[in-house]
Amino acid sequence: MGHSTLEIQNNLNSPYWAMTFFLFTIIGLSTIWIDLGDFWRGCVLDMTGPSWTYILFRGLYTAKANNIWTRFFTPKRTVIILIIACLIIETLQYFKIYTSTFDPWNVIAYSSILIPIFLIDLRSSRETTLYKKSKLEN
Protein backbone atom coordinates (compact mmCIF):
# COMPACT_ATOMS: atom_id res chain seq x y z
CA MET A 1 0.00 0.00 0.00
CA GLY A 2 1.50 3.35 -1.05
CA HIS A 3 1.89 6.29 1.29
CA SER A 4 0.99 9.85 0.31
CA THR A 5 3.60 12.59 0.49
CA LEU A 6 1.64 14.09 3.39
CA GLU A 7 2.01 10.87 5.38
CA ILE A 8 5.69 10.57 4.49
CA GLN A 9 6.40 14.18 5.51
CA ASN A 10 4.45 13.74 8.73
CA ASN A 11 6.35 10.52 9.47
CA LEU A 12 9.64 12.35 8.91
CA ASN A 13 8.73 15.37 11.06
CA SER A 14 6.98 13.68 13.99
CA PRO A 15 10.17 12.32 15.63
CA TYR A 16 11.59 15.87 15.77
CA TRP A 17 8.36 17.21 17.27
CA ALA A 18 8.37 14.30 19.75
CA MET A 19 11.95 15.14 20.80
CA THR A 20 11.00 18.81 21.20
CA PHE A 21 7.90 17.81 23.20
CA PHE A 22 10.03 15.59 25.47
CA LEU A 23 12.69 18.31 25.88
CA PHE A 24 10.12 20.97 26.84
CA THR A 25 8.53 18.56 29.30
CA ILE A 26 11.83 17.74 31.00
CA ILE A 27 12.97 21.37 31.14
CA GLY A 28 9.60 22.56 32.43
CA LEU A 29 9.36 19.90 35.13
CA SER A 30 12.98 20.36 36.15
CA THR A 31 12.08 23.82 37.46
CA ILE A 32 10.39 21.97 40.33
CA TRP A 33 13.48 20.00 41.32
CA ILE A 34 16.40 22.22 40.31
CA ASP A 35 16.84 25.79 41.54
CA LEU A 36 18.91 27.88 39.15
CA GLY A 37 17.67 31.28 40.27
CA ASP A 38 14.71 33.58 39.82
CA PHE A 39 14.57 33.40 36.01
CA TRP A 40 14.62 29.61 36.10
CA ARG A 41 11.86 29.39 38.71
CA GLY A 42 9.80 32.27 37.34
CA CYS A 43 9.99 32.09 33.56
CA VAL A 44 11.22 28.76 32.23
CA LEU A 45 7.98 26.87 32.88
CA ASP A 46 6.05 29.83 31.43
CA MET A 47 8.19 29.47 28.29
CA THR A 48 8.06 25.70 27.88
CA GLY A 49 4.53 25.01 29.12
CA PRO A 50 2.53 26.69 26.34
CA SER A 51 4.87 25.30 23.70
CA TRP A 52 4.58 21.80 25.14
CA THR A 53 0.80 22.21 25.14
CA TYR A 54 0.82 23.45 21.53
CA ILE A 55 2.70 20.35 20.34
CA LEU A 56 0.38 18.11 22.38
CA PHE A 57 -2.86 19.70 21.15
CA ARG A 58 -1.71 19.77 17.53
CA GLY A 59 -0.65 16.10 17.67
CA LEU A 60 2.66 16.97 16.04
CA TYR A 61 4.55 14.34 18.04
CA THR A 62 2.89 11.40 16.28
CA ALA A 63 2.45 10.32 12.70
CA LYS A 64 -1.10 9.15 13.54
CA ALA A 65 -2.60 12.60 14.11
CA ASN A 66 -5.34 12.95 11.50
CA ASN A 67 -8.45 12.90 13.69
CA ILE A 68 -11.26 15.20 14.84
CA TRP A 69 -9.12 16.58 17.70
CA THR A 70 -6.20 17.65 15.51
CA ARG A 71 -8.49 18.93 12.77
CA PHE A 72 -10.10 21.25 15.34
CA PHE A 73 -6.74 22.45 16.68
CA THR A 74 -5.40 24.13 13.56
CA PRO A 75 -2.15 26.08 13.99
CA LYS A 76 -3.89 29.48 14.16
CA ARG A 77 -6.70 28.32 16.42
CA THR A 78 -4.29 26.60 18.81
CA VAL A 79 -1.95 29.56 19.18
CA ILE A 80 -4.89 31.94 19.73
CA ILE A 81 -6.45 29.67 22.37
CA LEU A 82 -3.14 29.31 24.22
CA ILE A 83 -2.35 33.04 24.16
CA ILE A 84 -5.85 33.83 25.46
CA ALA A 85 -5.43 31.22 28.20
CA CYS A 86 -2.08 32.73 29.21
CA LEU A 87 -3.60 36.24 29.29
CA ILE A 88 -6.47 34.97 31.44
CA ILE A 89 -3.99 33.39 33.85
CA GLU A 90 -2.07 36.67 34.17
CA THR A 91 -5.32 38.66 34.58
CA LEU A 92 -6.45 36.32 37.37
CA GLN A 93 -3.08 36.80 39.05
CA TYR A 94 -3.29 40.59 38.69
CA PHE A 95 -6.69 40.67 40.41
CA LYS A 96 -5.46 38.20 43.07
CA ILE A 97 -8.21 35.68 42.26
CA TYR A 98 -5.82 32.94 43.40
CA THR A 99 -2.54 32.92 45.27
CA SER A 100 0.18 33.62 42.77
CA THR A 101 2.50 36.42 41.73
CA PHE A 102 1.53 38.65 38.81
CA ASP A 103 4.41 39.39 36.46
CA PRO A 104 3.78 41.24 33.18
CA TRP A 105 7.01 39.75 31.78
CA ASN A 106 5.29 36.35 31.84
CA VAL A 107 3.25 37.37 28.77
CA ILE A 108 6.53 37.71 26.85
CA ALA A 109 7.78 34.44 28.36
CA TYR A 110 4.60 32.63 27.24
CA SER A 111 5.03 33.70 23.65
CA SER A 112 8.84 33.56 23.39
CA ILE A 113 8.86 29.91 22.33
CA LEU A 114 5.17 29.50 21.45
CA ILE A 115 5.26 31.95 18.53
CA PRO A 116 8.35 30.37 16.87
CA ILE A 117 6.83 26.88 17.31
CA PHE A 118 3.61 28.18 15.74
CA LEU A 119 5.50 29.70 12.78
CA ILE A 120 7.43 26.48 12.17
CA ASP A 121 4.20 24.47 12.30
CA LEU A 122 2.37 26.97 10.08
CA ARG A 123 5.10 26.84 7.46
CA SER A 124 5.13 23.05 7.55
CA SER A 125 1.32 22.92 7.30
CA ARG A 126 1.28 25.35 4.35
CA GLU A 127 3.92 23.41 2.46
CA THR A 128 1.90 20.25 2.90
CA THR A 129 -1.34 21.98 1.84
CA LEU A 130 0.30 23.56 -1.19
CA TYR A 131 1.70 20.20 -2.23
CA LYS A 132 -1.71 18.55 -1.85
CA LYS A 133 -3.36 21.30 -3.97
CA SER A 134 -0.77 21.05 -6.73
CA LYS A 135 -1.12 17.26 -6.72
CA LEU A 136 -4.90 17.57 -7.16
CA GLU A 137 -4.51 20.00 -10.07
CA ASN A 138 -2.29 17.57 -12.00
C-alpha atoms as a PDB file:
ATOM      1  CA  MET A   1       0.000   0.000   0.000  1.00  0.00           C
ATOM      2  CA  GLY A   2       1.496   3.351  -1.052  1.00  0.00           C
ATOM      3  CA  HIS A   3       1.887   6.293   1.291  1.00  0.00           C
ATOM      4  CA  SER A   4       0.994   9.850   0.308  1.00  0.00           C
ATOM      5  CA  THR A   5       3.595  12.590   0.495  1.00  0.00           C
ATOM      6  CA  LEU A   6       1.640  14.090   3.388  1.00  0.00           C
ATOM      7  CA  GLU A   7       2.014  10.869   5.378  1.00  0.00           C
ATOM      8  CA  ILE A   8       5.693  10.566   4.488  1.00  0.00           C
ATOM      9  CA  GLN A   9       6.396  14.179   5.507  1.00  0.00           C
ATOM     10  CA  ASN A  10       4.452  13.738   8.733  1.00  0.00           C
ATOM     11  CA  ASN A  11       6.349  10.516   9.468  1.00  0.00           C
ATOM     12  CA  LEU A  12       9.643  12.351   8.913  1.00  0.00           C
ATOM     13  CA  ASN A  13       8.729  15.373  11.058  1.00  0.00           C
ATOM     14  CA  SER A  14       6.982  13.678  13.988  1.00  0.00           C
ATOM     15  CA  PRO A  15      10.174  12.318  15.634  1.00  0.00           C
ATOM     16  CA  TYR A  16      11.586  15.874  15.774  1.00  0.00           C
ATOM     17  CA  TRP A  17       8.359  17.209  17.266  1.00  0.00           C
ATOM     18  CA  ALA A  18       8.375  14.295  19.746  1.00  0.00           C
ATOM     19  CA  MET A  19      11.952  15.137  20.800  1.00  0.00           C
ATOM     20  CA  THR A  20      11.001  18.805  21.204  1.00  0.00           C
ATOM     21  CA  PHE A  21       7.900  17.805  23.202  1.00  0.00           C
ATOM     22  CA  PHE A  22      10.034  15.593  25.467  1.00  0.00           C
ATOM     23  CA  LEU A  23      12.690  18.309  25.882  1.00  0.00           C
ATOM     24  CA  PHE A  24      10.118  20.973  26.836  1.00  0.00           C
ATOM     25  CA  THR A  25       8.526  18.557  29.296  1.00  0.00           C
ATOM     26  CA  ILE A  26      11.831  17.736  30.997  1.00  0.00           C
ATOM     27  CA  ILE A  27      12.974  21.368  31.138  1.00  0.00           C
ATOM     28  CA  GLY A  28       9.600  22.563  32.429  1.00  0.00           C
ATOM     29  CA  LEU A  29       9.361  19.898  35.125  1.00  0.00           C
ATOM     30  CA  SER A  30      12.984  20.360  36.148  1.00  0.00           C
ATOM     31  CA  THR A  31      12.081  23.817  37.462  1.00  0.00           C
ATOM     32  CA  ILE A  32      10.387  21.968  40.328  1.00  0.00           C
ATOM     33  CA  TRP A  33      13.484  19.996  41.323  1.00  0.00           C
ATOM     34  CA  ILE A  34      16.399  22.225  40.309  1.00  0.00           C
ATOM     35  CA  ASP A  35      16.841  25.785  41.544  1.00  0.00           C
ATOM     36  CA  LEU A  36      18.910  27.881  39.151  1.00  0.00           C
ATOM     37  CA  GLY A  37      17.673  31.279  40.271  1.00  0.00           C
ATOM     38  CA  ASP A  38      14.706  33.582  39.820  1.00  0.00           C
ATOM     39  CA  PHE A  39      14.572  33.404  36.014  1.00  0.00           C
ATOM     40  CA  TRP A  40      14.619  29.614  36.100  1.00  0.00           C
ATOM     41  CA  ARG A  41      11.860  29.386  38.709  1.00  0.00           C
ATOM     42  CA  GLY A  42       9.799  32.272  37.340  1.00  0.00           C
ATOM     43  CA  CYS A  43       9.989  32.092  33.563  1.00  0.00           C
ATOM     44  CA  VAL A  44      11.222  28.760  32.226  1.00  0.00           C
ATOM     45  CA  LEU A  45       7.984  26.868  32.875  1.00  0.00           C
ATOM     46  CA  ASP A  46       6.053  29.832  31.426  1.00  0.00           C
ATOM     47  CA  MET A  47       8.186  29.468  28.292  1.00  0.00           C
ATOM     48  CA  THR A  48       8.064  25.705  27.877  1.00  0.00           C
ATOM     49  CA  GLY A  49       4.529  25.006  29.124  1.00  0.00           C
ATOM     50  CA  PRO A  50       2.526  26.695  26.345  1.00  0.00           C
ATOM     51  CA  SER A  51       4.873  25.301  23.697  1.00  0.00           C
ATOM     52  CA  TRP A  52       4.576  21.802  25.141  1.00  0.00           C
ATOM     53  CA  THR A  53       0.796  22.205  25.139  1.00  0.00           C
ATOM     54  CA  TYR A  54       0.823  23.452  21.532  1.00  0.00           C
ATOM     55  CA  ILE A  55       2.696  20.350  20.336  1.00  0.00           C
ATOM     56  CA  LEU A  56       0.382  18.112  22.376  1.00  0.00           C
ATOM     57  CA  PHE A  57      -2.865  19.695  21.151  1.00  0.00           C
ATOM     58  CA  ARG A  58      -1.712  19.766  17.529  1.00  0.00           C
ATOM     59  CA  GLY A  59      -0.652  16.097  17.667  1.00  0.00           C
ATOM     60  CA  LEU A  60       2.665  16.966  16.037  1.00  0.00           C
ATOM     61  CA  TYR A  61       4.551  14.336  18.038  1.00  0.00           C
ATOM     62  CA  THR A  62       2.888  11.404  16.280  1.00  0.00           C
ATOM     63  CA  ALA A  63       2.446  10.317  12.704  1.00  0.00           C
ATOM     64  CA  LYS A  64      -1.101   9.151  13.540  1.00  0.00           C
ATOM     65  CA  ALA A  65      -2.602  12.597  14.114  1.00  0.00           C
ATOM     66  CA  ASN A  66      -5.335  12.950  11.505  1.00  0.00           C
ATOM     67  CA  ASN A  67      -8.446  12.900  13.689  1.00  0.00           C
ATOM     68  CA  ILE A  68     -11.256  15.196  14.836  1.00  0.00           C
ATOM     69  CA  TRP A  69      -9.121  16.585  17.697  1.00  0.00           C
ATOM     70  CA  THR A  70      -6.197  17.647  15.514  1.00  0.00           C
ATOM     71  CA  ARG A  71      -8.488  18.926  12.768  1.00  0.00           C
ATOM     72  CA  PHE A  72     -10.103  21.251  15.342  1.00  0.00           C
ATOM     73  CA  PHE A  73      -6.742  22.447  16.682  1.00  0.00           C
ATOM     74  CA  THR A  74      -5.400  24.129  13.560  1.00  0.00           C
ATOM     75  CA  PRO A  75      -2.153  26.083  13.990  1.00  0.00           C
ATOM     76  CA  LYS A  76      -3.895  29.485  14.163  1.00  0.00           C
ATOM     77  CA  ARG A  77      -6.703  28.316  16.425  1.00  0.00           C
ATOM     78  CA  THR A  78      -4.288  26.598  18.806  1.00  0.00           C
ATOM     79  CA  VAL A  79      -1.950  29.561  19.184  1.00  0.00           C
ATOM     80  CA  ILE A  80      -4.887  31.943  19.728  1.00  0.00           C
ATOM     81  CA  ILE A  81      -6.451  29.666  22.370  1.00  0.00           C
ATOM     82  CA  LEU A  82      -3.138  29.305  24.216  1.00  0.00           C
ATOM     83  CA  ILE A  83      -2.354  33.038  24.161  1.00  0.00           C
ATOM     84  CA  ILE A  84      -5.851  33.830  25.458  1.00  0.00           C
ATOM     85  CA  ALA A  85      -5.430  31.216  28.205  1.00  0.00           C
ATOM     86  CA  CYS A  86      -2.080  32.733  29.207  1.00  0.00           C
ATOM     87  CA  LEU A  87      -3.598  36.238  29.288  1.00  0.00           C
ATOM     88  CA  ILE A  88      -6.471  34.973  31.440  1.00  0.00           C
ATOM     89  CA  ILE A  89      -3.991  33.393  33.855  1.00  0.00           C
ATOM     90  CA  GLU A  90      -2.073  36.668  34.169  1.00  0.00           C
ATOM     91  CA  THR A  91      -5.316  38.657  34.584  1.00  0.00           C
ATOM     92  CA  LEU A  92      -6.447  36.323  37.371  1.00  0.00           C
ATOM     93  CA  GLN A  93      -3.079  36.796  39.047  1.00  0.00           C
ATOM     94  CA  TYR A  94      -3.292  40.586  38.688  1.00  0.00           C
ATOM     95  CA  PHE A  95      -6.688  40.672  40.407  1.00  0.00           C
ATOM     96  CA  LYS A  96      -5.456  38.199  43.070  1.00  0.00           C
ATOM     97  CA  ILE A  97      -8.212  35.679  42.265  1.00  0.00           C
ATOM     98  CA  TYR A  98      -5.822  32.945  43.401  1.00  0.00           C
ATOM     99  CA  THR A  99      -2.543  32.924  45.270  1.00  0.00           C
ATOM    100  CA  SER A 100       0.183  33.617  42.769  1.00  0.00           C
ATOM    101  CA  THR A 101       2.496  36.424  41.730  1.00  0.00           C
ATOM    102  CA  PHE A 102       1.529  38.654  38.811  1.00  0.00           C
ATOM    103  CA  ASP A 103       4.407  39.395  36.460  1.00  0.00           C
ATOM    104  CA  PRO A 104       3.779  41.239  33.175  1.00  0.00           C
ATOM    105  CA  TRP A 105       7.012  39.748  31.777  1.00  0.00           C
ATOM    106  CA  ASN A 106       5.287  36.353  31.835  1.00  0.00           C
ATOM    107  CA  VAL A 107       3.254  37.375  28.766  1.00  0.00           C
ATOM    108  CA  ILE A 108       6.526  37.705  26.854  1.00  0.00           C
ATOM    109  CA  ALA A 109       7.775  34.444  28.357  1.00  0.00           C
ATOM    110  CA  TYR A 110       4.604  32.625  27.244  1.00  0.00           C
ATOM    111  CA  SER A 111       5.031  33.697  23.652  1.00  0.00           C
ATOM    112  CA  SER A 112       8.837  33.562  23.392  1.00  0.00           C
ATOM    113  CA  ILE A 113       8.855  29.907  22.327  1.00  0.00           C
ATOM    114  CA  LEU A 114       5.166  29.500  21.454  1.00  0.00           C
ATOM    115  CA  ILE A 115       5.264  31.946  18.525  1.00  0.00           C
ATOM    116  CA  PRO A 116       8.351  30.368  16.865  1.00  0.00           C
ATOM    117  CA  ILE A 117       6.827  26.877  17.309  1.00  0.00           C
ATOM    118  CA  PHE A 118       3.606  28.180  15.737  1.00  0.00           C
ATOM    119  CA  LEU A 119       5.504  29.702  12.784  1.00  0.00           C
ATOM    120  CA  ILE A 120       7.432  26.477  12.169  1.00  0.00           C
ATOM    121  CA  ASP A 121       4.202  24.468  12.297  1.00  0.00           C
ATOM    122  CA  LEU A 122       2.369  26.970  10.080  1.00  0.00           C
ATOM    123  CA  ARG A 123       5.102  26.844   7.459  1.00  0.00           C
ATOM    124  CA  SER A 124       5.133  23.054   7.549  1.00  0.00           C
ATOM    125  CA  SER A 125       1.325  22.923   7.299  1.00  0.00           C
ATOM    126  CA  ARG A 126       1.275  25.350   4.353  1.00  0.00           C
ATOM    127  CA  GLU A 127       3.917  23.414   2.460  1.00  0.00           C
ATOM    128  CA  THR A 128       1.896  20.249   2.901  1.00  0.00           C
ATOM    129  CA  THR A 129      -1.338  21.980   1.837  1.00  0.00           C
ATOM    130  CA  LEU A 130       0.305  23.563  -1.193  1.00  0.00           C
ATOM    131  CA  TYR A 131       1.696  20.201  -2.226  1.00  0.00           C
ATOM    132  CA  LYS A 132      -1.713  18.547  -1.850  1.00  0.00           C
ATOM    133  CA  LYS A 133      -3.363  21.295  -3.974  1.00  0.00           C
ATOM    134  CA  SER A 134      -0.767  21.054  -6.730  1.00  0.00           C
ATOM    135  CA  LYS A 135      -1.121  17.264  -6.724  1.00  0.00           C
ATOM    136  CA  LEU A 136      -4.904  17.574  -7.164  1.00  0.00           C
ATOM    137  CA  GLU A 137      -4.513  20.004 -10.074  1.00  0.00           C
ATOM    138  CA  ASN A 138      -2.285  17.567 -12.003  1.00  0.00           C
END
